[in-house]
Structure formats: C-alpha cells, structure tokens
Amino acid sequence: MSCSAQARRFLTVPMHVALMAFGMTIALAEVRTVQVPDAGKPAVARVDDGGTVHLIYQMPDGPQYVRSTDDGRTLSAAIPVIEGAAQPAGIEFTCWDMVVDGEGRVHVAVGTNAWKLKLPHEEWGYFYATLDPGAERFAALRNLNKKPSEGFSLAASADGSVTAVWLADKLYANVSRDGGRTFAPSREIDLSSDPCNCCTTSSVYAEDGRLAVLYREERNDDRDMFLLLWDQATDRVDRKRISVTGWKTSTCPMTYYAINRSADGFVAAWPTGTNYGIELARLDADGVVALPGVTPVAGHAGHRTGITALSASDGSTLVAWNDKGQVKWQVHDAAGRPSSPLEMEQTTGTGTAAVVTHAGDFVIFH
C-alpha cells in the first residue's frame, strides 16, 4: 500500500495571520505539520527547484525516502536508501544529511555503527548514496573517505558540484564536479580551523557558488560558532565567528545546528551555553551577521538533537528543534522579532525535518 493511500494526520497550525499595512493585507507564512509514515523518525527534508518535497526518515531497517508533489499532503511509496547487498550482522545505517541537485538527483549522507561493532576502521567512514530522477532504487552505497569520521553534511550547486563535508579532528571535504558520480580525494578545507569533533557540520552552496560551512570551534575550550565561505574555484577560504554568546567548556557539547540559504544570504541556528539555549542569525552573502544581530529563540536543544532554520519569501524565519520527544518551533518576522508563540507537536527520534515550500509556507515533519 503506498504512503499516499495511508491514513495520515495533516495538522494546520493557526499561523496564517493577516496584517494591515498601508491599506494592504499582507499574508504571513503558514506553518503546517505532517506525520511521518509508519511512525518513522524524521531525519531531513528538502525542496527541489520544481517544488517537490523530499523526505528521509529512519526505520529500524534503515533510512527510507519519500517525495511529495503537493507540499506534503500526500507522500509517495517509500524507497529504502540502503539496497540489497549483504551487510555485517548488527550493522545500522543512519541518515546524516540529504540534498537534491538542479537535475533532481537525490544525494544522501549515511553513517553506521561500525565503530560499536569493532569493524575495520575504514568501515567507520562517510557513506553516500544517490537516487537518479525517475529511478526506483538508490545506487549502491559508497564509502567516500574510508576513515573514522562523523559530522557529515552535503551540499549541491547549480553547476553540478557536490561537496561532502566531515569531521576527523579537522574539517575535511570530498568534492565532485560531475553530480556525485566521482569524488576527488579528501582534503582539509581550512588549516586554521579547530572543530569540535563530536558536534557536526552544516553546509550549503551560496548564490555566488561559494560553499558555506557552519561548524563549532573548540580552540582553548571556547565553543564558538564559525562560518567558512570557500571559493572552490580559487581555493580561497574566508572564516569568521558568528556567535556572540561565549561558551567555555572542556568537554564537547555534542550539538547539532543548521545553515540554509535565504533571499539575501543565509539563515543559521544553533544551541549555546550550559542550558543549550537556541540562537538565530541572519547572515548577508558574505557571512556577516545582519541586523538585528544574533537573537534568542524561546527554546532549548540537547545533546545531538536536530535543529533547523528556514527563511520564507516574506522574510519570516522558522526555527524548529527537537526537545525530549517533541518538535518545537517559533517563527520570527523579517525584523527578527518573534511573530508566533512557541508551538510543539509530539515526534519520534531526535531529528528535525522541515521545508519552506515554493508558496512560502513552512512544513514540519514529525
């Protein structure tokens, strides 16, 4: 039975508010929530250039992929990301990230529990799978770096470049110039970076083609958030701190965070401080924090719990995060002020998956 034929709750949160400004009615972005099929655990969601929503969710036998052409109201039949080949007993596959390129090809970053099973170190690496447009199954899983690593993220550009970013004491990447068919050998992105090794990375290509990478530093036990802008054509890297709240701790806080494109640059969100309070920042095209600066969000994250930030066409920004079995969210207006109360919905797992549709509304999967 296809997912689109299954009964599914589709909740509309009362956020479609009208404002009067200069005699005109302005409709704010709506927030809707969609339940993941089969009580799965939401992992990551994206919207492609044509408006199709792509979702990956975790099941006991591995990550599953579905798509929607009506902003999540119905979902396709699920396709397993991991296909066929015999696997070691006890191996588990987990989706870290997913992107969709301009041709509609789906790219997925996958990690395993090979370290827990004491498998050879090369099996502790960054695994990668793709789904071609119109295909009914994912291509065979590939091990991109064959070394102990984590913090996996993916980015795809309009010119066919795909970059896999990861952590192994330093910040590394593998770059493809042919849509993920082949990747260059691993390389360190920036020699001055000293990343927090048990946190993560989040990456996205900017409108000008540079790769933006969000990560947490650990130098001198100062756990600040930094943004790298990497011009892969010239190999120039610009690096800047974007967090303002200091967080000094001798142990890795093990946090997740996110950066995404916006109309005029980027939007990013991360937890900070001993209470893991969430902060939001809009960044211009050069990664400079824009007014009103870094702003607090009415919530707290935890160890390795999902968080995302998305910007709609009207300038509003959704921040959504996972907190103790609930997905919570708040919308901020174009001036950075909260424009909604804190909302929440029961969820499974520790991930957060949300999209902003082409119509300018937000959809959160739970």
Protein backbone atom coordinates (compact mmCIF):
# COMPACT_ATOMS: atom_id res chain seq x y z
CA MET A 1 0.00 0.00 0.00
CA SER A 2 1.51 3.34 -0.95
CA CYS A 3 2.16 6.03 1.62
CA SER A 4 -0.19 8.34 -0.28
CA ALA A 5 -3.01 5.86 0.32
CA GLN A 6 -2.37 5.53 4.04
CA ALA A 7 -4.33 7.49 6.62
CA ARG A 8 -2.22 10.38 7.75
CA ARG A 9 -2.80 13.30 10.05
CA PHE A 10 -2.13 16.67 8.43
CA LEU A 11 -2.36 19.40 11.06
CA THR A 12 -2.69 23.07 10.18
CA VAL A 13 -1.31 25.34 12.85
CA PRO A 14 -3.26 28.64 13.03
CA MET A 15 -0.42 30.83 11.81
CA HIS A 16 -1.94 32.28 8.64
CA VAL A 17 -2.25 35.78 10.02
CA ALA A 18 -3.20 38.94 8.09
CA LEU A 19 -1.68 42.33 8.82
CA MET A 20 -2.82 45.71 7.56
CA ALA A 21 -0.01 47.90 6.28
CA PHE A 22 -0.54 50.97 4.16
CA GLY A 23 -4.05 49.78 3.41
CA MET A 24 -2.82 46.40 2.11
CA THR A 25 -3.34 42.93 3.53
CA ILE A 26 -0.09 41.01 3.98
CA ALA A 27 -0.34 37.24 4.49
CA LEU A 28 2.31 35.74 6.76
CA ALA A 29 3.79 32.31 6.18
CA GLU A 30 1.69 29.40 7.40
CA VAL A 31 3.13 26.53 9.46
CA ARG A 32 1.77 23.04 8.89
CA THR A 33 2.85 19.71 10.37
CA VAL A 34 2.83 16.32 8.68
CA GLN A 35 3.19 12.96 10.39
CA VAL A 36 5.98 10.76 9.06
CA PRO A 37 4.80 7.43 7.59
CA ASP A 38 4.95 4.19 9.59
CA ALA A 39 5.81 6.02 12.85
CA GLY A 40 9.25 6.66 11.40
CA LYS A 41 11.76 9.11 12.83
CA PRO A 42 12.14 12.30 10.75
CA ALA A 43 15.70 12.86 9.57
CA VAL A 44 15.90 15.53 6.85
CA ALA A 45 13.61 17.20 4.29
CA ARG A 46 14.37 19.36 1.24
CA VAL A 47 12.52 21.10 -1.60
CA ASP A 48 13.92 20.91 -5.13
CA ASP A 49 13.83 23.58 -7.83
CA GLY A 50 10.49 22.29 -9.13
CA GLY A 51 8.80 22.43 -5.73
CA THR A 52 8.84 18.70 -4.97
CA VAL A 53 9.34 17.91 -1.28
CA HIS A 54 11.83 15.14 -0.47
CA LEU A 55 11.86 13.45 2.95
CA ILE A 56 14.09 10.85 4.58
CA TYR A 57 13.04 9.18 7.80
CA GLN A 58 14.60 6.46 9.95
CA MET A 59 13.16 2.99 10.39
CA PRO A 60 14.67 0.02 12.28
CA ASP A 61 15.92 -1.44 8.98
CA GLY A 62 17.46 1.83 7.80
CA PRO A 63 16.55 5.18 6.25
CA GLN A 64 13.55 5.42 3.92
CA TYR A 65 12.89 8.02 1.21
CA VAL A 66 9.55 9.52 0.07
CA ARG A 67 8.58 12.51 -2.04
CA SER A 68 5.56 14.80 -2.34
CA THR A 69 4.37 16.99 -5.21
CA ASP A 70 1.66 18.70 -3.12
CA ASP A 71 3.67 20.21 -0.26
CA GLY A 72 3.48 17.10 1.92
CA ARG A 73 -0.25 16.47 1.77
CA THR A 74 0.37 13.08 0.17
CA LEU A 75 3.61 11.09 0.04
CA SER A 76 4.90 8.54 -2.44
CA ALA A 77 5.61 4.92 -1.66
CA ALA A 78 8.79 4.57 0.40
CA ILE A 79 12.11 3.61 -1.18
CA PRO A 80 14.87 2.19 1.09
CA VAL A 81 18.11 4.17 0.88
CA ILE A 82 20.20 1.06 1.56
CA GLU A 83 19.65 -1.60 -1.08
CA GLY A 84 20.30 -5.29 -1.27
CA ALA A 85 23.91 -6.24 -0.59
CA ALA A 86 24.71 -8.46 2.39
CA GLN A 87 25.73 -6.48 5.46
CA PRO A 88 27.59 -7.47 8.64
CA ALA A 89 25.33 -8.67 11.43
CA GLY A 90 24.26 -5.82 13.69
CA ILE A 91 25.15 -3.01 11.26
CA GLU A 92 22.88 0.03 11.41
CA PHE A 93 22.66 2.83 8.85
CA THR A 94 21.69 6.38 9.81
CA CYS A 95 20.92 9.32 7.53
CA TRP A 96 23.01 12.40 8.37
CA ASP A 97 22.00 14.68 5.50
CA MET A 98 20.30 14.83 2.12
CA VAL A 99 20.30 17.34 -0.76
CA VAL A 100 18.67 17.46 -4.19
CA ASP A 101 20.60 18.94 -7.11
CA GLY A 102 19.31 21.00 -10.01
CA GLU A 103 18.70 17.89 -12.11
CA GLY A 104 16.55 16.31 -9.42
CA ARG A 105 19.15 13.78 -8.29
CA VAL A 106 18.92 12.95 -4.58
CA HIS A 107 22.18 12.71 -2.60
CA VAL A 108 22.27 11.14 0.87
CA ALA A 109 25.00 11.09 3.54
CA VAL A 110 24.92 7.95 5.67
CA GLY A 111 26.75 6.90 8.83
CA THR A 112 26.98 3.50 10.52
CA ASN A 113 27.59 1.96 13.93
CA ALA A 114 30.69 0.13 12.63
CA TRP A 115 32.78 1.56 15.49
CA LYS A 116 30.47 -0.09 18.01
CA LEU A 117 30.81 -3.43 16.22
CA LYS A 118 34.61 -3.04 16.14
CA LEU A 119 34.71 -3.44 12.37
CA PRO A 120 37.84 -2.35 10.45
CA HIS A 121 38.48 1.39 10.74
CA GLU A 122 37.84 2.03 7.05
CA GLU A 123 34.23 0.97 7.67
CA TRP A 124 33.78 3.87 10.11
CA GLY A 125 33.61 6.32 7.24
CA TYR A 126 31.28 8.60 5.29
CA PHE A 127 28.87 6.56 3.19
CA TYR A 128 26.99 8.07 0.28
CA ALA A 129 24.04 7.05 -1.92
CA THR A 130 22.20 8.64 -4.83
CA LEU A 131 18.79 8.34 -6.46
CA ASP A 132 18.60 9.43 -10.09
CA PRO A 133 15.47 11.25 -11.35
CA GLY A 134 12.79 8.68 -12.16
CA ALA A 135 14.77 5.80 -10.65
CA GLU A 136 13.01 3.26 -8.43
CA ARG A 137 16.00 2.40 -6.27
CA PHE A 138 19.10 4.06 -4.86
CA ALA A 139 22.51 3.31 -6.31
CA ALA A 140 24.80 1.11 -4.24
CA LEU A 141 26.23 2.71 -1.11
CA ARG A 142 29.76 4.12 -1.48
CA ASN A 143 32.38 4.75 1.21
CA LEU A 144 33.82 8.18 0.36
CA ASN A 145 36.65 8.57 2.87
CA LYS A 146 37.32 5.14 4.46
CA LYS A 147 38.38 6.51 7.83
CA PRO A 148 36.82 7.14 11.27
CA SER A 149 34.76 10.33 10.90
CA GLU A 150 31.42 11.97 11.65
CA GLY A 151 29.62 15.32 11.39
CA PHE A 152 28.56 14.53 7.82
CA SER A 153 26.85 17.15 5.65
CA LEU A 154 26.18 17.59 1.93
CA ALA A 155 25.80 20.50 -0.46
CA ALA A 156 24.95 20.59 -4.18
CA SER A 157 25.47 23.56 -6.52
CA ALA A 158 23.77 24.65 -9.73
CA ASP A 159 26.85 23.74 -11.81
CA GLY A 160 26.84 20.05 -10.81
CA SER A 161 29.27 20.26 -7.90
CA VAL A 162 28.57 18.15 -4.83
CA THR A 163 30.61 18.51 -1.65
CA ALA A 164 30.67 16.04 1.23
CA VAL A 165 31.89 17.72 4.45
CA TRP A 166 33.01 15.79 7.53
CA LEU A 167 35.00 15.87 10.76
CA ALA A 168 38.03 13.83 11.82
CA ASP A 169 39.79 16.15 14.30
CA LYS A 170 39.92 18.64 11.42
CA LEU A 171 37.41 19.87 8.84
CA TYR A 172 37.54 17.85 5.60
CA ALA A 173 35.71 17.61 2.30
CA ASN A 174 35.43 15.46 -0.79
CA VAL A 175 34.35 17.39 -3.89
CA SER A 176 32.60 16.08 -7.00
CA ARG A 177 32.38 18.08 -10.24
CA ASP A 178 30.10 15.62 -12.03
CA GLY A 179 26.98 15.41 -9.90
CA GLY A 180 28.38 12.90 -7.43
CA ARG A 181 29.46 10.29 -9.94
CA THR A 182 33.10 10.65 -8.88
CA PHE A 183 34.77 12.48 -5.97
CA ALA A 184 38.25 13.92 -5.58
CA PRO A 185 40.40 12.64 -2.69
CA SER A 186 39.72 14.01 0.78
CA ARG A 187 41.26 17.37 1.65
CA GLU A 188 41.32 19.68 4.65
CA ILE A 189 39.22 22.77 3.96
CA ASP A 190 40.92 25.29 6.26
CA LEU A 191 44.15 24.72 8.21
CA SER A 192 43.21 27.33 10.84
CA SER A 193 40.01 25.53 11.86
CA ASP A 194 39.92 23.51 15.06
CA PRO A 195 36.46 21.96 15.05
CA CYS A 196 34.57 20.48 17.95
CA ASN A 197 34.90 16.87 16.84
CA CYS A 198 31.74 15.35 18.33
CA CYS A 199 29.44 18.10 17.03
CA THR A 200 28.57 18.29 13.34
CA THR A 201 28.82 20.36 10.16
CA SER A 202 26.11 22.02 8.08
CA SER A 203 26.85 23.15 4.53
CA VAL A 204 25.14 24.85 1.61
CA TYR A 205 26.24 26.50 -1.63
CA ALA A 206 25.70 30.25 -1.75
CA GLU A 207 24.12 32.01 -4.71
CA ASP A 208 27.59 33.09 -5.89
CA GLY A 209 28.86 29.49 -5.89
CA ARG A 210 30.90 29.60 -2.69
CA LEU A 211 30.40 26.80 -0.19
CA ALA A 212 29.21 27.92 3.25
CA VAL A 213 30.12 25.58 6.14
CA LEU A 214 28.81 26.12 9.67
CA TYR A 215 30.74 24.44 12.48
CA ARG A 216 31.68 24.79 16.15
CA GLU A 217 35.26 25.58 17.23
CA GLU A 218 36.95 24.05 20.29
CA ARG A 219 40.20 26.04 20.47
CA ASN A 220 41.06 26.97 24.07
CA ASP A 221 37.76 25.33 25.09
CA ASP A 222 35.83 28.27 23.56
CA ARG A 223 32.93 26.60 21.76
CA ASP A 224 32.11 29.41 19.33
CA MET A 225 30.18 29.06 16.08
CA PHE A 226 32.13 29.82 12.90
CA LEU A 227 31.23 30.15 9.25
CA LEU A 228 33.58 29.27 6.40
CA LEU A 229 32.98 30.59 2.89
CA TRP A 230 35.04 28.51 0.48
CA ASP A 231 35.55 29.65 -3.12
CA GLN A 232 36.37 26.29 -4.64
CA ALA A 233 37.48 27.82 -7.94
CA THR A 234 40.26 29.90 -6.33
CA ASP A 235 40.61 27.83 -3.13
CA ARG A 236 40.16 30.93 -1.01
CA VAL A 237 38.53 30.43 2.40
CA ASP A 238 37.07 33.26 4.49
CA ARG A 239 36.44 32.33 8.11
CA LYS A 240 34.52 34.32 10.70
CA ARG A 241 32.95 33.86 14.10
CA ILE A 242 29.19 34.40 14.04
CA SER A 243 28.15 33.56 17.61
CA VAL A 244 28.27 36.23 20.30
CA THR A 245 27.40 34.27 23.45
CA GLY A 246 30.53 32.74 24.91
CA TRP A 247 30.51 29.06 25.88
CA LYS A 248 33.62 27.80 27.62
CA THR A 249 33.69 24.09 28.41
CA SER A 250 36.43 21.47 28.45
CA THR A 251 34.15 18.77 27.03
CA CYS A 252 32.48 18.62 23.64
CA PRO A 253 28.85 19.75 23.99
CA MET A 254 27.82 17.37 21.17
CA THR A 255 25.44 19.76 19.42
CA TYR A 256 23.76 19.92 16.03
CA TYR A 257 22.90 23.11 14.11
CA ALA A 258 21.98 24.26 10.63
CA ILE A 259 22.60 26.84 7.92
CA ASN A 260 20.38 27.37 4.87
CA ARG A 261 20.09 29.84 2.00
CA SER A 262 17.86 32.89 2.27
CA ALA A 263 16.89 35.54 -0.27
CA ASP A 264 19.86 37.76 0.61
CA GLY A 265 22.36 35.37 2.16
CA PHE A 266 21.87 32.74 4.83
CA VAL A 267 19.95 31.92 7.98
CA ALA A 268 21.50 29.84 10.77
CA ALA A 269 20.52 28.49 14.19
CA TRP A 270 22.48 26.75 16.93
CA PRO A 271 22.36 25.94 20.67
CA THR A 272 24.78 27.54 23.09
CA GLY A 273 25.56 27.80 26.81
CA THR A 274 25.09 25.30 29.58
CA ASN A 275 21.31 25.32 29.08
CA TYR A 276 21.64 24.80 25.30
CA GLY A 277 19.61 27.92 24.56
CA ILE A 278 18.89 28.35 20.85
CA GLU A 279 20.12 31.37 18.90
CA LEU A 280 19.19 32.59 15.43
CA ALA A 281 21.12 34.75 12.99
CA ARG A 282 20.54 36.13 9.53
CA LEU A 283 23.74 36.50 7.54
CA ASP A 284 24.44 38.50 4.41
CA ALA A 285 26.04 36.99 1.31
CA ASP A 286 29.50 37.36 2.86
CA GLY A 287 28.51 35.68 6.11
CA VAL A 288 28.28 38.88 8.15
CA VAL A 289 25.57 38.82 10.82
CA ALA A 290 22.79 41.19 9.72
CA LEU A 291 20.55 43.35 11.89
CA PRO A 292 19.12 42.82 14.44
CA GLY A 293 22.10 40.57 15.17
CA VAL A 294 22.08 37.20 16.88
CA THR A 295 18.70 36.77 18.59
CA PRO A 296 17.50 34.22 21.17
CA VAL A 297 14.71 31.75 20.42
CA ALA A 298 12.26 30.61 23.09
CA GLY A 299 13.63 27.10 23.48
CA HIS A 300 16.46 24.75 24.36
CA ALA A 301 18.11 21.91 22.46
CA GLY A 302 20.02 18.93 23.82
CA HIS A 303 22.86 16.57 23.01
CA ARG A 304 22.82 15.80 19.29
CA THR A 305 19.21 16.79 18.74
CA GLY A 306 18.06 18.16 15.40
CA ILE A 307 17.64 21.86 14.72
CA THR A 308 16.90 23.78 11.54
CA ALA A 309 16.26 27.35 10.37
CA LEU A 310 14.41 28.27 7.17
CA SER A 311 13.62 31.62 5.57
CA ALA A 312 10.40 32.25 3.61
CA SER A 313 9.85 34.68 0.75
CA ASP A 314 8.15 37.23 3.04
CA GLY A 315 11.30 37.43 5.20
CA SER A 316 9.90 35.36 8.06
CA THR A 317 12.13 32.67 9.54
CA LEU A 318 11.15 29.36 11.08
CA VAL A 319 13.36 27.81 13.75
CA ALA A 320 12.44 24.22 14.61
CA TRP A 321 14.17 21.86 17.01
CA ASN A 322 13.77 18.51 18.75
CA ASP A 323 13.39 18.57 22.53
CA LYS A 324 12.63 15.45 24.59
CA GLY A 325 10.19 13.78 22.25
CA GLN A 326 8.67 16.95 20.85
CA VAL A 327 9.38 19.02 17.79
CA LYS A 328 9.10 22.68 18.80
CA TRP A 329 9.13 25.78 16.64
CA GLN A 330 8.86 29.53 16.57
CA VAL A 331 8.56 31.98 13.68
CA HIS A 332 10.44 35.31 13.63
CA ASP A 333 9.47 38.17 11.34
CA ALA A 334 11.70 39.98 8.87
CA ALA A 335 12.90 42.31 11.63
CA GLY A 336 13.97 39.36 13.79
CA ARG A 337 11.11 39.63 16.28
CA PRO A 338 9.12 36.57 17.36
CA SER A 339 5.86 36.62 15.38
CA SER A 340 4.37 33.43 16.82
CA PRO A 341 4.11 31.74 20.18
CA LEU A 342 6.21 28.68 20.89
CA GLU A 343 4.41 25.73 19.25
CA MET A 344 5.06 22.00 19.62
CA GLU A 345 4.00 18.55 18.42
CA GLN A 346 4.88 15.01 19.57
CA THR A 347 7.56 13.35 17.46
CA THR A 348 9.78 10.28 17.36
CA GLY A 349 13.55 10.10 17.36
CA THR A 350 15.89 13.05 17.83
CA GLY A 351 15.87 14.58 14.35
CA THR A 352 14.14 17.61 12.87
CA ALA A 353 12.90 17.78 9.26
CA ALA A 354 11.21 20.83 7.77
CA VAL A 355 10.92 22.71 4.47
CA VAL A 356 9.74 26.05 3.16
CA THR A 357 7.52 25.46 0.13
CA HIS A 358 7.57 27.43 -3.12
CA ALA A 359 4.35 29.05 -1.94
CA GLY A 360 6.28 30.45 1.04
CA ASP A 361 4.78 28.26 3.78
CA PHE A 362 6.59 26.05 6.28
CA VAL A 363 6.03 22.29 6.60
CA ILE A 364 7.38 20.39 9.61
CA PHE A 365 7.53 16.59 9.66
CA HIS A 366 7.06 14.81 12.98
